[in-house]
C-alpha atoms as a PDB file:
ATOM      1  CA  GLN A   1      11.446 -19.068   8.084  1.00  0.00           C
ATOM      2  CA  GLN A   2      12.334 -17.859   4.563  1.00  0.00           C
ATOM      3  CA  THR A   3       9.045 -19.302   3.275  1.00  0.00           C
ATOM      4  CA  ASN A   4       7.126 -17.417   5.987  1.00  0.00           C
ATOM      5  CA  LYS A   5       8.893 -14.179   5.015  1.00  0.00           C
ATOM      6  CA  GLN A   6       8.045 -14.708   1.343  1.00  0.00           C
ATOM      7  CA  ALA A   7       4.419 -15.490   2.208  1.00  0.00           C
ATOM      8  CA  GLY A   8       4.200 -12.345   4.346  1.00  0.00           C
ATOM      9  CA  LEU A   9       5.625 -10.225   1.533  1.00  0.00           C
ATOM     10  CA  LEU A  10       3.188 -11.755  -0.952  1.00  0.00           C
ATOM     11  CA  ILE A  11       0.247 -10.978   1.360  1.00  0.00           C
ATOM     12  CA  LYS A  12       1.424  -7.366   1.723  1.00  0.00           C
ATOM     13  CA  GLN A  13       1.733  -7.039  -2.050  1.00  0.00           C
ATOM     14  CA  ILE A  14      -1.735  -8.472  -2.632  1.00  0.00           C
ATOM     15  CA  GLN A  15      -3.197  -6.156   0.031  1.00  0.00           C
ATOM     16  CA  ALA A  16      -1.458  -3.113  -1.414  1.00  0.00           C
ATOM     17  CA  PHE A  17      -2.571  -4.039  -4.913  1.00  0.00           C
ATOM     18  CA  SER A  18      -6.171  -4.594  -3.876  1.00  0.00           C
ATOM     19  CA  ARG A  19      -6.090  -1.340  -1.839  1.00  0.00           C
ATOM     20  CA  ARG A  20      -7.172  -3.110   1.335  1.00  0.00           C
ATOM     21  CA  GLN A  21      -3.988  -1.832   2.924  1.00  0.00           C
ATOM     22  CA  GLU A  22      -4.725   1.808   3.657  1.00  0.00           C
ATOM     23  CA  ALA A  23      -2.001   4.233   2.635  1.00  0.00           C
ATOM     24  CA  LEU A  24      -0.677   6.573   5.316  1.00  0.00           C
ATOM     25  CA  LEU A  25      -0.137   9.565   3.072  1.00  0.00           C
ATOM     26  CA  MET A  26       2.098  12.318   4.394  1.00  0.00           C
ATOM     27  CA  ARG A  27       4.459  15.003   3.184  1.00  0.00           C
ATOM     28  CA  ILE A  28       7.919  13.538   2.629  1.00  0.00           C
ATOM     29  CA  ASP A  29      11.272  14.448   1.130  1.00  0.00           C
ATOM     30  CA  PRO A  30      11.975  11.771  -1.501  1.00  0.00           C
ATOM     31  CA  ASN A  31      15.751  12.294  -1.233  1.00  0.00           C
ATOM     32  CA  TYR A  32      15.599  11.571   2.486  1.00  0.00           C
ATOM     33  CA  ALA A  33      13.442   8.469   1.892  1.00  0.00           C
ATOM     34  CA  ILE A  34      15.913   7.082  -0.652  1.00  0.00           C
ATOM     35  CA  ARG A  35      18.950   7.802   1.520  1.00  0.00           C
ATOM     36  CA  GLU A  36      17.210   5.992   4.398  1.00  0.00           C
ATOM     37  CA  ILE A  37      17.062   2.753   2.369  1.00  0.00           C
ATOM     38  CA  LYS A  38      20.416   3.074   0.571  1.00  0.00           C
ATOM     39  CA  GLU A  39      22.066   0.388   2.722  1.00  0.00           C
ATOM     40  CA  ILE A  40      19.150  -1.973   2.109  1.00  0.00           C
ATOM     41  CA  LEU A  41      19.407  -1.296  -1.632  1.00  0.00           C
ATOM     42  CA  ASP A  42      23.164  -1.986  -1.529  1.00  0.00           C
ATOM     43  CA  ARG A  43      22.505  -5.389   0.077  1.00  0.00           C
ATOM     44  CA  LEU A  44      19.569  -6.196  -2.215  1.00  0.00           C
ATOM     45  CA  ILE A  45      21.425  -5.615  -5.454  1.00  0.00           C
ATOM     46  CA  GLY A  46      24.685  -7.294  -4.446  1.00  0.00           C
ATOM     47  CA  LYS A  47      28.326  -6.718  -5.250  1.00  0.00           C
ATOM     48  CA  LYS A  48      28.228  -7.528  -8.974  1.00  0.00           C
ATOM     49  CA  ILE A  49      26.194  -4.396  -9.654  1.00  0.00           C
ATOM     50  CA  ASN A  50      27.565  -0.865  -9.478  1.00  0.00           C
ATOM     51  CA  PHE A  51      25.004   1.252  -7.565  1.00  0.00           C
ATOM     52  CA  GLN A  52      24.920   4.994  -8.216  1.00  0.00           C
ATOM     53  CA  LEU A  53      22.694   7.483  -6.386  1.00  0.00           C
ATOM     54  CA  HIS A  54      22.225  11.036  -7.690  1.00  0.00           C
ATOM     55  CA  CYS A  55      19.840  13.143  -5.595  1.00  0.00           C
ATOM     56  CA  GLY A  56      18.776  16.467  -7.093  1.00  0.00           C
ATOM     57  CA  VAL A  57      19.006  19.660  -5.060  1.00  0.00           C
ATOM     58  CA  ASP A  58      15.860  21.437  -3.812  1.00  0.00           C
ATOM     59  CA  ILE A  59      13.527  19.073  -5.636  1.00  0.00           C
ATOM     60  CA  GLY A  60      10.599  19.666  -3.293  1.00  0.00           C
ATOM     61  CA  THR A  61       8.370  17.424  -1.233  1.00  0.00           C
ATOM     62  CA  ILE A  62       5.628  14.989  -2.204  1.00  0.00           C
ATOM     63  CA  ILE A  63       2.618  13.341  -0.608  1.00  0.00           C
ATOM     64  CA  ALA A  64       3.113   9.579  -0.338  1.00  0.00           C
ATOM     65  CA  ASP A  65       3.114   6.708   2.110  1.00  0.00           C
ATOM     66  CA  PRO A  66       6.821   6.481   3.069  1.00  0.00           C
ATOM     67  CA  VAL A  67       6.726   2.702   3.556  1.00  0.00           C
ATOM     68  CA  GLN A  68       4.983   2.167   0.228  1.00  0.00           C
ATOM     69  CA  LEU A  69       7.405   4.540  -1.526  1.00  0.00           C
ATOM     70  CA  GLU A  70      10.313   2.507  -0.148  1.00  0.00           C
ATOM     71  CA  GLN A  71       8.574  -0.685  -1.319  1.00  0.00           C
ATOM     72  CA  ALA A  72       8.138   0.744  -4.835  1.00  0.00           C
ATOM     73  CA  ILE A  73      11.809   1.736  -5.053  1.00  0.00           C
ATOM     74  CA  MET A  74      12.959  -1.649  -3.734  1.00  0.00           C
ATOM     75  CA  ASN A  75      10.666  -3.527  -6.171  1.00  0.00           C
ATOM     76  CA  LEU A  76      12.153  -1.613  -9.100  1.00  0.00           C
ATOM     77  CA  ALA A  77      15.709  -2.117  -7.784  1.00  0.00           C
ATOM     78  CA  VAL A  78      15.172  -5.885  -7.431  1.00  0.00           C
ATOM     79  CA  ASN A  79      13.773  -6.068 -10.970  1.00  0.00           C
ATOM     80  CA  ALA A  80      16.815  -4.133 -12.197  1.00  0.00           C
ATOM     81  CA  ARG A  81      19.148  -6.509 -10.345  1.00  0.00           C
ATOM     82  CA  ASP A  82      17.402  -9.526 -11.859  1.00  0.00           C
ATOM     83  CA  ALA A  83      17.792  -7.985 -15.334  1.00  0.00           C
ATOM     84  CA  MET A  84      21.593  -7.857 -14.829  1.00  0.00           C
ATOM     85  CA  PRO A  85      22.605 -11.431 -13.909  1.00  0.00           C
ATOM     86  CA  ASN A  86      26.185 -10.795 -15.067  1.00  0.00           C
ATOM     87  CA  GLY A  87      26.500  -7.417 -13.381  1.00  0.00           C
ATOM     88  CA  GLY A  88      25.966  -3.890 -14.609  1.00  0.00           C
ATOM     89  CA  THR A  89      24.999  -0.481 -13.288  1.00  0.00           C
ATOM     90  CA  LEU A  90      21.887   0.548 -11.373  1.00  0.00           C
ATOM     91  CA  THR A  91      21.389   4.311 -11.198  1.00  0.00           C
ATOM     92  CA  VAL A  92      18.783   6.018  -9.015  1.00  0.00           C
ATOM     93  CA  ARG A  93      18.211   9.722  -9.698  1.00  0.00           C
ATOM     94  CA  THR A  94      15.845  12.320  -8.316  1.00  0.00           C
ATOM     95  CA  TYR A  95      15.018  15.605  -9.979  1.00  0.00           C
ATOM     96  CA  ARG A  96      12.288  18.198 -10.369  1.00  0.00           C
ATOM     97  CA  THR A  97      10.451  18.460 -13.690  1.00  0.00           C
ATOM     98  CA  LYS A  98       7.352  19.940 -15.334  1.00  0.00           C
ATOM     99  CA  LEU A  99       4.873  17.776 -17.213  1.00  0.00           C
ATOM    100  CA  GLY A 100       2.190  18.931 -19.626  1.00  0.00           C
ATOM    101  CA  GLU A 101      -1.133  17.388 -20.721  1.00  0.00           C
ATOM    102  CA  SER A 102       0.540  15.076 -23.237  1.00  0.00           C
ATOM    103  CA  ASP A 103       3.039  13.810 -20.641  1.00  0.00           C
ATOM    104  CA  VAL A 104       0.631  12.420 -18.031  1.00  0.00           C
ATOM    105  CA  LEU A 105      -0.246   8.796 -18.663  1.00  0.00           C
ATOM    106  CA  HIS A 106      -3.503   8.195 -16.824  1.00  0.00           C
ATOM    107  CA  SER A 107      -6.588  10.292 -16.191  1.00  0.00           C
ATOM    108  CA  GLU A 108      -5.991  10.706 -12.439  1.00  0.00           C
ATOM    109  CA  ALA A 109      -2.657  12.484 -12.940  1.00  0.00           C
ATOM    110  CA  GLU A 110      -2.665  16.180 -13.726  1.00  0.00           C
ATOM    111  CA  PRO A 111      -0.039  18.315 -15.447  1.00  0.00           C
ATOM    112  CA  GLY A 112       2.231  20.377 -13.233  1.00  0.00           C
ATOM    113  CA  GLU A 113       5.501  20.199 -11.323  1.00  0.00           C
ATOM    114  CA  PHE A 114       6.699  16.770 -10.274  1.00  0.00           C
ATOM    115  CA  VAL A 115       9.503  15.040  -8.466  1.00  0.00           C
ATOM    116  CA  CYS A 116      10.853  12.274 -10.667  1.00  0.00           C
ATOM    117  CA  ILE A 117      12.469   9.223  -9.111  1.00  0.00           C
ATOM    118  CA  GLU A 118      14.296   7.505 -11.945  1.00  0.00           C
ATOM    119  CA  ILE A 119      15.609   3.954 -11.712  1.00  0.00           C
ATOM    120  CA  GLN A 120      17.828   2.935 -14.616  1.00  0.00           C
ATOM    121  CA  ASP A 121      19.640  -0.321 -15.299  1.00  0.00           C
ATOM    122  CA  THR A 122      22.021  -1.606 -17.952  1.00  0.00           C
ATOM    123  CA  GLY A 123      20.301  -4.988 -18.070  1.00  0.00           C
ATOM    124  CA  ILE A 124      18.636  -7.148 -20.687  1.00  0.00           C
ATOM    125  CA  GLY A 125      15.793  -4.723 -21.397  1.00  0.00           C
ATOM    126  CA  MET A 126      12.328  -5.557 -22.701  1.00  0.00           C
ATOM    127  CA  ASP A 127      10.635  -5.772 -26.062  1.00  0.00           C
ATOM    128  CA  GLU A 128       7.398  -3.875 -26.829  1.00  0.00           C
ATOM    129  CA  GLU A 129       5.201  -6.928 -26.183  1.00  0.00           C
ATOM    130  CA  THR A 130       6.624  -7.413 -22.688  1.00  0.00           C
ATOM    131  CA  LYS A 131       6.409  -3.675 -21.927  1.00  0.00           C
ATOM    132  CA  SER A 132       2.709  -3.672 -22.819  1.00  0.00           C
ATOM    133  CA  HIS A 133       1.951  -6.158 -20.001  1.00  0.00           C
ATOM    134  CA  ILE A 134       4.339  -5.255 -17.169  1.00  0.00           C
ATOM    135  CA  PHE A 135       1.803  -3.459 -14.963  1.00  0.00           C
ATOM    136  CA  GLU A 136      -0.769  -6.262 -15.193  1.00  0.00           C
ATOM    137  CA  PRO A 137      -1.263  -8.278 -11.989  1.00  0.00           C
ATOM    138  CA  PHE A 138       0.467 -11.679 -12.023  1.00  0.00           C
ATOM    139  CA  PHE A 139       2.395 -10.951 -15.243  1.00  0.00           C
ATOM    140  CA  THR A 140       6.023 -11.970 -14.838  1.00  0.00           C
ATOM    141  CA  THR A 141       8.980 -12.789 -17.039  1.00  0.00           C
ATOM    142  CA  LYS A 142      10.745 -14.554 -14.178  1.00  0.00           C
ATOM    143  CA  PRO A 143      10.955 -18.346 -13.897  1.00  0.00           C
ATOM    144  CA  ARG A 144       8.286 -20.122 -11.849  1.00  0.00           C
ATOM    145  CA  GLY A 145       8.889 -19.611  -8.136  1.00  0.00           C
ATOM    146  CA  LYS A 146      11.094 -16.541  -8.676  1.00  0.00           C
ATOM    147  CA  GLY A 147       8.420 -13.854  -8.934  1.00  0.00           C
ATOM    148  CA  THR A 148       4.766 -13.270  -8.107  1.00  0.00           C
ATOM    149  CA  GLY A 149       3.969 -10.893 -10.931  1.00  0.00           C
ATOM    150  CA  LEU A 150       2.672  -8.369  -8.390  1.00  0.00           C
ATOM    151  CA  GLY A 151       5.743  -6.153  -8.019  1.00  0.00           C
ATOM    152  CA  LEU A 152       5.126  -3.717 -10.870  1.00  0.00           C
ATOM    153  CA  SER A 153       1.347  -3.685 -10.468  1.00  0.00           C
ATOM    154  CA  THR A 154       1.928  -2.827  -6.802  1.00  0.00           C
ATOM    155  CA  VAL A 155       4.324  -0.020  -7.812  1.00  0.00           C
ATOM    156  CA  TYR A 156       1.680   1.288 -10.221  1.00  0.00           C
ATOM    157  CA  GLY A 157      -0.974   1.278  -7.464  1.00  0.00           C
ATOM    158  CA  ILE A 158       1.314   3.086  -5.013  1.00  0.00           C
ATOM    159  CA  ILE A 159       2.018   5.833  -7.538  1.00  0.00           C
ATOM    160  CA  LYS A 160      -1.668   6.242  -8.446  1.00  0.00           C
ATOM    161  CA  GLN A 161      -2.542   6.694  -4.751  1.00  0.00           C
ATOM    162  CA  SER A 162      -0.200   9.690  -4.725  1.00  0.00           C
ATOM    163  CA  HIS A 163      -1.787  11.116  -7.931  1.00  0.00           C
ATOM    164  CA  GLY A 164       1.409  10.461  -9.835  1.00  0.00           C
ATOM    165  CA  HIS A 165       2.310   8.274 -12.756  1.00  0.00           C
ATOM    166  CA  ILE A 166       5.042   6.001 -14.046  1.00  0.00           C
ATOM    167  CA  SER A 167       6.726   5.640 -17.409  1.00  0.00           C
ATOM    168  CA  VAL A 168       9.114   3.035 -18.749  1.00  0.00           C
ATOM    169  CA  THR A 169      11.690   3.171 -21.520  1.00  0.00           C
ATOM    170  CA  SER A 170      13.350  -0.087 -22.478  1.00  0.00           C
ATOM    171  CA  PHE A 171      15.103  -1.714 -25.396  1.00  0.00           C
ATOM    172  CA  PRO A 172      16.319  -5.316 -25.642  1.00  0.00           C
ATOM    173  CA  GLU A 173      19.970  -5.611 -24.558  1.00  0.00           C
ATOM    174  CA  LYS A 174      20.129  -1.871 -23.779  1.00  0.00           C
ATOM    175  CA  GLY A 175      18.531  -1.677 -20.343  1.00  0.00           C
ATOM    176  CA  THR A 176      15.420  -0.197 -18.775  1.00  0.00           C
ATOM    177  CA  THR A 177      14.521   3.118 -17.170  1.00  0.00           C
ATOM    178  CA  PHE A 178      11.493   3.533 -14.908  1.00  0.00           C
ATOM    179  CA  ARG A 179      10.426   7.077 -14.028  1.00  0.00           C
ATOM    180  CA  MET A 180       8.035   7.595 -11.125  1.00  0.00           C
ATOM    181  CA  PHE A 181       6.465  11.068 -11.124  1.00  0.00           C
ATOM    182  CA  PHE A 182       4.960  12.477  -7.914  1.00  0.00           C
ATOM    183  CA  PRO A 183       3.266  15.901  -7.788  1.00  0.00           C
ATOM    184  CA  ILE A 184       5.239  18.466  -5.815  1.00  0.00           C
ATOM    185  CA  VAL A 185       3.369  19.778  -2.784  1.00  0.00           C
ATOM    186  CA  PRO A 186       3.460  23.574  -2.505  1.00  0.00           C
ATOM    187  CA  ILE A 187       4.484  24.775   0.963  1.00  0.00           C
ATOM    188  CA  GLU A 188       1.115  26.480   1.575  1.00  0.00           C
ATOM    189  CA  ASN A 189      -0.692  23.138   1.022  1.00  0.00           C
ATOM    190  CA  ALA A 190       1.727  21.006   2.996  1.00  0.00           C
ATOM    191  CA  GLU A 191       0.092  21.371   6.403  1.00  0.00           C
ATOM    192  CA  SER A 192      -3.423  20.511   5.195  1.00  0.00           C
ATOM    193  CA  VAL A 193      -2.569  16.876   4.503  1.00  0.00           C
END
């Protein structure tokens, strides 16, 4: 049964990555979405890791597929857990921020006001070479059989569908921080989605 579950998850990741799985984009409150999966995150990361959640106040709403957003957060949390085999701290934060032209990382994202969902760990970190490949499909640093190499490329695809972007800061032995930026939806535009 575990093998069937893993196969099903792999199929979903491949579909999401290849965009055959249509996103159900809607206006959502990211704080609510994260609180909804907090118990799942607690179980996923285990007892050796201290889990901290800091939700910003009045951060706004975003347009995203709620299931895919949850998947992106869980993928990043699992990667963080795996980077801390001896324990550590996983911190998830949400806040509102402004980004300019030089801050957006791909041509489909535009400057403006964003909700940032930040996932930070105190794990083993990554060197520059590893960081340069992490969003490539099938790239993994995990041992054979422990990862598909689709998790971060799937996260990247989910964020692009919402016209957002992702950044990563990491240093060997100092941990990693992923920041997912989603454009804030003004109230007057919220009903047109």
